[in-house]
Protein backbone atom coordinates (compact mmCIF):
# COMPACT_ATOMS: atom_id res chain seq x y z
CA MET A 1 -11.36 -29.93 -40.83
CA ALA A 2 -12.02 -33.33 -38.94
CA GLN A 3 -9.45 -35.76 -38.77
CA ASN A 4 -8.63 -39.03 -39.01
CA VAL A 5 -9.51 -40.76 -35.07
CA HIS A 6 -7.84 -44.15 -36.11
CA VAL A 7 -4.79 -42.53 -37.49
CA TRP A 8 -4.01 -40.98 -34.36
CA LEU A 9 -5.16 -44.57 -32.46
CA ASN A 10 -2.49 -46.29 -34.55
CA ALA A 11 0.10 -43.68 -33.53
CA PRO A 12 2.93 -45.29 -30.66
CA ILE A 13 2.79 -45.42 -27.60
CA ILE A 14 5.62 -45.54 -25.62
CA ASN A 15 5.98 -46.72 -22.17
CA LEU A 16 9.22 -45.74 -20.20
CA ASP A 17 10.62 -46.14 -16.51
CA THR A 18 11.29 -43.05 -15.42
CA THR A 19 12.17 -39.63 -17.42
CA ASP A 20 12.44 -36.11 -16.51
CA SER A 21 9.32 -34.85 -18.13
CA THR A 22 7.30 -36.35 -20.90
CA ASN A 23 6.94 -33.21 -22.42
CA ASN A 24 10.59 -33.22 -22.81
CA ASP A 25 10.06 -36.70 -24.38
CA ALA A 26 7.31 -35.52 -26.83
CA MET A 27 9.35 -32.48 -28.09
CA GLN A 28 12.16 -34.54 -28.72
CA TRP A 29 10.59 -36.59 -30.83
CA ILE A 30 8.74 -33.57 -32.89
CA ASP A 31 12.61 -32.47 -33.22
CA ALA A 32 13.59 -35.47 -34.51
CA ASP A 33 10.63 -35.37 -36.78
CA LYS A 34 9.44 -38.63 -35.64
CA ALA A 35 6.04 -37.37 -33.98
CA HIS A 36 2.70 -38.24 -35.40
CA PRO A 37 -0.23 -37.49 -34.10
CA GLY A 38 -1.62 -39.36 -31.31
CA THR A 39 1.84 -40.46 -30.73
CA THR A 40 1.91 -40.74 -26.79
CA ILE A 41 4.38 -40.96 -23.86
CA VAL A 42 3.99 -42.94 -20.87
CA ALA A 43 6.11 -42.22 -17.34
CA ALA A 44 6.09 -44.59 -14.73
CA TYR A 45 7.89 -42.26 -12.74
CA GLN A 46 8.93 -38.30 -13.64
CA HIS A 47 11.55 -36.63 -11.73
CA ALA A 48 11.26 -33.73 -13.28
CA GLY A 49 8.06 -32.68 -14.75
CA ARG A 50 7.03 -29.48 -15.44
CA GLY A 51 3.44 -27.57 -14.22
CA GLN A 52 2.90 -24.07 -15.11
CA ARG A 53 5.03 -21.46 -14.08
CA GLY A 54 8.58 -23.32 -14.03
CA ASN A 55 6.91 -26.17 -10.87
CA THR A 56 7.81 -29.36 -10.69
CA TRP A 57 5.23 -32.60 -10.28
CA THR A 58 6.91 -35.30 -8.94
CA ALA A 59 5.21 -38.94 -8.19
CA LYS A 60 6.50 -42.13 -6.58
CA PRO A 61 6.22 -44.67 -8.95
CA GLY A 62 2.96 -46.27 -10.07
CA GLU A 63 1.28 -44.08 -8.40
CA SER A 64 0.25 -41.78 -11.02
CA LEU A 65 -1.05 -41.34 -14.62
CA MET A 66 2.06 -39.16 -16.61
CA MET A 67 1.48 -38.66 -20.30
CA SER A 68 2.33 -36.68 -23.13
CA VAL A 69 -0.21 -36.64 -26.40
CA ILE A 70 1.65 -35.24 -29.68
CA THR A 71 -1.58 -33.62 -31.27
CA VAL A 72 -1.93 -31.62 -34.80
CA PRO A 73 -4.52 -28.87 -32.81
CA GLY A 74 -6.70 -27.75 -35.81
CA PHE A 75 -7.42 -24.55 -34.06
CA ARG A 76 -5.55 -21.04 -35.11
CA ILE A 77 -3.36 -19.65 -32.55
CA ASP A 78 -5.75 -17.20 -31.44
CA GLU A 79 -7.91 -20.13 -30.02
CA GLN A 80 -5.42 -21.57 -27.80
CA PHE A 81 -7.49 -21.52 -24.91
CA ILE A 82 -9.91 -22.89 -26.56
CA PHE A 83 -8.25 -25.71 -27.07
CA SER A 84 -7.44 -25.73 -23.63
CA ALA A 85 -10.23 -25.80 -22.65
CA LEU A 86 -11.54 -28.96 -24.86
CA VAL A 87 -8.72 -30.92 -23.42
CA ALA A 88 -9.44 -30.10 -19.97
CA THR A 89 -13.31 -30.46 -19.67
CA THR A 90 -12.61 -33.59 -21.94
CA ILE A 91 -9.96 -35.01 -19.16
CA ALA A 92 -12.27 -33.62 -16.05
CA THR A 93 -15.52 -35.84 -17.79
CA VAL A 94 -13.20 -38.71 -18.14
CA ILE A 95 -12.13 -38.74 -14.39
CA GLN A 96 -16.00 -37.60 -13.36
CA GLU A 97 -17.42 -40.73 -15.48
CA LEU A 98 -14.89 -43.23 -13.43
CA ASP A 99 -16.82 -42.77 -10.38
CA ALA A 100 -20.25 -40.86 -9.89
CA THR A 101 -19.55 -39.81 -5.94
CA ILE A 102 -16.69 -37.71 -6.52
CA ASN A 103 -16.92 -34.42 -8.02
CA VAL A 104 -14.55 -33.29 -10.77
CA GLN A 105 -13.89 -29.81 -11.76
CA ILE A 106 -11.22 -27.56 -13.59
CA LYS A 107 -9.49 -25.00 -11.68
CA TRP A 108 -8.82 -21.67 -14.00
CA PRO A 109 -6.95 -22.38 -15.68
CA ASN A 110 -6.44 -26.18 -16.23
CA ASP A 111 -5.80 -27.51 -12.66
CA VAL A 112 -8.05 -30.83 -12.15
CA MET A 113 -10.05 -30.70 -8.80
CA ILE A 114 -11.91 -33.51 -7.27
CA ASN A 115 -13.88 -32.85 -4.36
CA ASP A 116 -12.43 -29.55 -3.42
CA LYS A 117 -8.92 -30.82 -4.12
CA LYS A 118 -5.87 -30.27 -6.36
CA ALA A 119 -5.87 -34.31 -8.31
CA GLY A 120 -3.67 -32.93 -11.22
CA GLY A 121 -3.03 -30.89 -13.93
CA ILE A 122 -2.22 -30.03 -17.62
CA LEU A 123 0.49 -28.38 -19.77
CA ILE A 124 -0.29 -27.80 -22.94
CA GLU A 125 3.21 -26.81 -24.70
CA SER A 126 2.94 -25.32 -28.62
CA VAL A 127 5.10 -25.75 -31.52
CA LEU A 128 4.82 -22.52 -33.97
CA ARG A 129 6.01 -21.43 -37.45
CA GLY A 130 4.71 -18.34 -38.36
CA HIS A 131 1.06 -18.14 -38.00
CA SER A 132 0.68 -22.16 -37.96
CA TRP A 133 0.02 -24.06 -34.94
CA LEU A 134 1.98 -27.51 -35.89
CA TYR A 135 2.00 -29.24 -32.87
CA ALA A 136 0.63 -29.54 -29.48
CA VAL A 137 1.75 -31.56 -26.88
CA ILE A 138 -0.57 -31.99 -23.99
CA GLY A 139 0.99 -32.97 -20.97
CA PHE A 140 -0.71 -34.19 -17.93
CA GLY A 141 -0.53 -35.74 -14.54
CA LEU A 142 -3.02 -37.01 -12.27
CA ASN A 143 -2.45 -38.76 -8.76
CA VAL A 144 -4.46 -42.03 -8.76
CA LEU A 145 -3.03 -44.82 -6.17
CA GLN A 146 -1.49 -42.41 -3.20
CA ASP A 147 -3.02 -42.75 -0.12
CA ASP A 148 -1.80 -39.97 1.67
CA PHE A 149 -0.07 -36.54 0.87
CA GLY A 150 0.66 -35.75 4.64
CA GLY A 151 0.39 -32.56 6.18
CA ALA A 152 3.03 -30.91 3.55
CA LEU A 153 0.36 -31.25 0.97
CA PRO A 154 -3.06 -30.50 2.62
CA HIS A 155 -5.12 -29.41 -0.39
CA ALA A 156 -4.11 -32.25 -2.82
CA THR A 157 -5.82 -35.84 -2.98
CA SER A 158 -5.79 -38.81 -5.38
CA LEU A 159 -8.10 -40.79 -7.10
CA LYS A 160 -8.12 -43.57 -4.43
CA ILE A 161 -8.57 -41.10 -1.61
CA ALA A 162 -11.66 -39.45 -3.17
CA ALA A 163 -13.36 -42.79 -4.42
CA GLN A 164 -11.90 -45.44 -1.90
CA LYS A 165 -10.99 -47.40 -4.68
CA ALA A 166 -8.48 -48.43 -6.74
CA PHE A 167 -7.88 -47.49 -10.35
CA ASP A 168 -6.23 -49.32 -13.24
CA VAL A 169 -3.04 -46.80 -14.33
CA LYS A 170 -3.08 -48.23 -17.69
CA GLU A 171 -6.58 -48.34 -18.58
CA LEU A 172 -7.10 -44.98 -17.49
CA MET A 173 -4.20 -43.55 -19.83
CA LEU A 174 -6.13 -45.20 -22.41
CA GLN A 175 -9.41 -43.77 -22.08
CA VAL A 176 -8.01 -40.29 -21.44
CA ARG A 177 -5.95 -40.99 -25.06
CA ALA A 178 -8.49 -42.09 -26.46
CA ALA A 179 -11.34 -39.07 -25.28
CA LEU A 180 -8.67 -36.41 -26.37
CA ILE A 181 -8.19 -38.04 -30.00
CA SER A 182 -11.60 -38.28 -30.60
CA ASN A 183 -12.76 -34.84 -29.38
CA ILE A 184 -9.73 -33.13 -30.94
CA CYS A 185 -9.92 -34.70 -34.20
CA ASN A 186 -14.09 -33.68 -34.35
CA PRO A 187 -13.91 -30.85 -32.16
CA GLU A 188 -17.90 -29.45 -30.71
CA PRO A 189 -18.69 -25.70 -31.47
CA GLN A 190 -16.67 -23.37 -29.92
CA GLU A 191 -19.22 -21.68 -27.45
CA VAL A 192 -20.28 -25.50 -26.26
CA ILE A 193 -16.62 -25.91 -25.27
CA LEU A 194 -16.30 -22.98 -23.13
CA LYS A 195 -19.96 -23.63 -21.92
CA LYS A 196 -18.69 -27.08 -20.96
CA TYR A 197 -15.59 -25.91 -19.55
CA ASN A 198 -17.44 -22.98 -17.31
CA ASP A 199 -20.01 -25.72 -15.78
CA LEU A 200 -17.17 -27.55 -14.33
CA LEU A 201 -15.20 -24.18 -13.33
CA PHE A 202 -13.85 -24.54 -9.76
CA ARG A 203 -15.73 -21.41 -7.35
CA LYS A 204 -17.97 -20.73 -10.22
CA ASN A 205 -20.34 -17.78 -8.47
CA ALA A 206 -18.16 -18.10 -5.09
CA ALA A 207 -16.35 -15.51 -2.83
CA GLN A 208 -12.53 -16.45 -3.95
CA ALA A 209 -9.73 -14.61 -2.51
CA PHE A 210 -6.77 -14.06 -4.96
CA TYR A 211 -3.59 -11.78 -3.70
CA LYS A 212 -0.62 -10.66 -5.27
CA ALA A 213 2.50 -9.20 -3.64
CA ASP A 214 1.42 -8.22 -0.24
CA LYS A 215 -2.00 -7.34 -1.46
CA GLU A 216 -4.70 -9.88 -0.34
CA TRP A 217 -8.80 -9.26 -1.66
CA VAL A 218 -11.82 -11.12 -2.06
CA GLY A 219 -13.80 -11.60 -5.71
CA LEU A 220 -16.90 -13.36 -6.91
CA VAL A 221 -15.58 -15.91 -10.01
CA THR A 222 -18.13 -15.42 -12.77
CA GLN A 223 -16.57 -17.04 -15.93
CA VAL A 224 -13.54 -17.76 -18.09
CA LEU A 225 -13.79 -15.72 -21.25
CA PRO A 226 -12.89 -17.20 -24.89
CA ASN A 227 -9.73 -15.50 -24.63
CA GLY A 228 -8.93 -17.60 -21.20
CA MET A 229 -9.30 -14.69 -18.85
CA LEU A 230 -11.06 -15.11 -15.59
CA GLU A 231 -13.98 -12.95 -14.91
CA VAL A 232 -14.41 -11.35 -11.52
CA ILE A 233 -16.44 -9.42 -9.32
CA LEU A 234 -14.95 -7.14 -7.11
CA ASP A 235 -16.65 -6.39 -3.29
CA ASP A 236 -17.13 -2.91 -5.21
CA GLY A 237 -18.86 -4.31 -7.93
CA GLU A 238 -16.45 -3.68 -10.01
CA THR A 239 -15.93 -6.54 -12.92
CA VAL A 240 -12.25 -7.00 -13.87
CA HIS A 241 -10.40 -9.20 -15.79
CA TYR A 242 -7.21 -11.71 -14.99
CA THR A 243 -4.79 -13.22 -17.36
CA HIS A 244 -2.73 -16.62 -16.21
CA GLY A 245 -0.15 -15.46 -13.62
CA GLU A 246 -1.45 -12.42 -13.10
CA VAL A 247 -2.49 -13.10 -10.03
CA GLN A 248 -2.35 -15.63 -7.19
CA TRP A 249 -5.66 -17.89 -6.20
CA LYS A 250 -5.29 -18.43 -2.23
CA TYR A 251 -6.63 -21.62 -0.97
């Protein structure tokens, strides 16, 4: 069912100088029963931002976009990956439209890649009650104005590095927020969302190295399925499917 875009857009935007995690703040708003769909938490500095599998994510104040949007998904619990794909493709499209010279892709399941390097990531945290999906908090971090990551992060980049120009972090936040709200309130058919995701899939139809513990192998990345599993064809022709966290991706 379509939801009201204008109501969501009129929800508050809370700007913070610093916080541990905008997702934590959003969850506190939900716990306090103060959250409205579209409520957005934005931080200039985040000292304990969380990524997938508990990874931390930090940035210098003002250089990155760090935001969390409280949403009512409108999807079933078993459609969580489709919702995640909608979020990822929406964000990737907004970034791509900023500059035609950069190449924006999605590394399974939800890293934002620009010119083959990681520029940001998405962390969606859900509030469930029984079989109902009440809220989804969309946490998004993007490197925007960084000039250099040094040798410690050889696979990282920023919008400024990739496009060779600066961007307004606040304006980008508003663009991402508006696009997310519009697409979540009026989602496209699920098959369209999944096709867009696979069209943007990083390393699609390319040989990719994976590892687990002390074992390493190479497979051809083909697609991501509606349940979120990554499909890979091994060298011997066997088709396998991986869940997120089951294997590690080697750069």
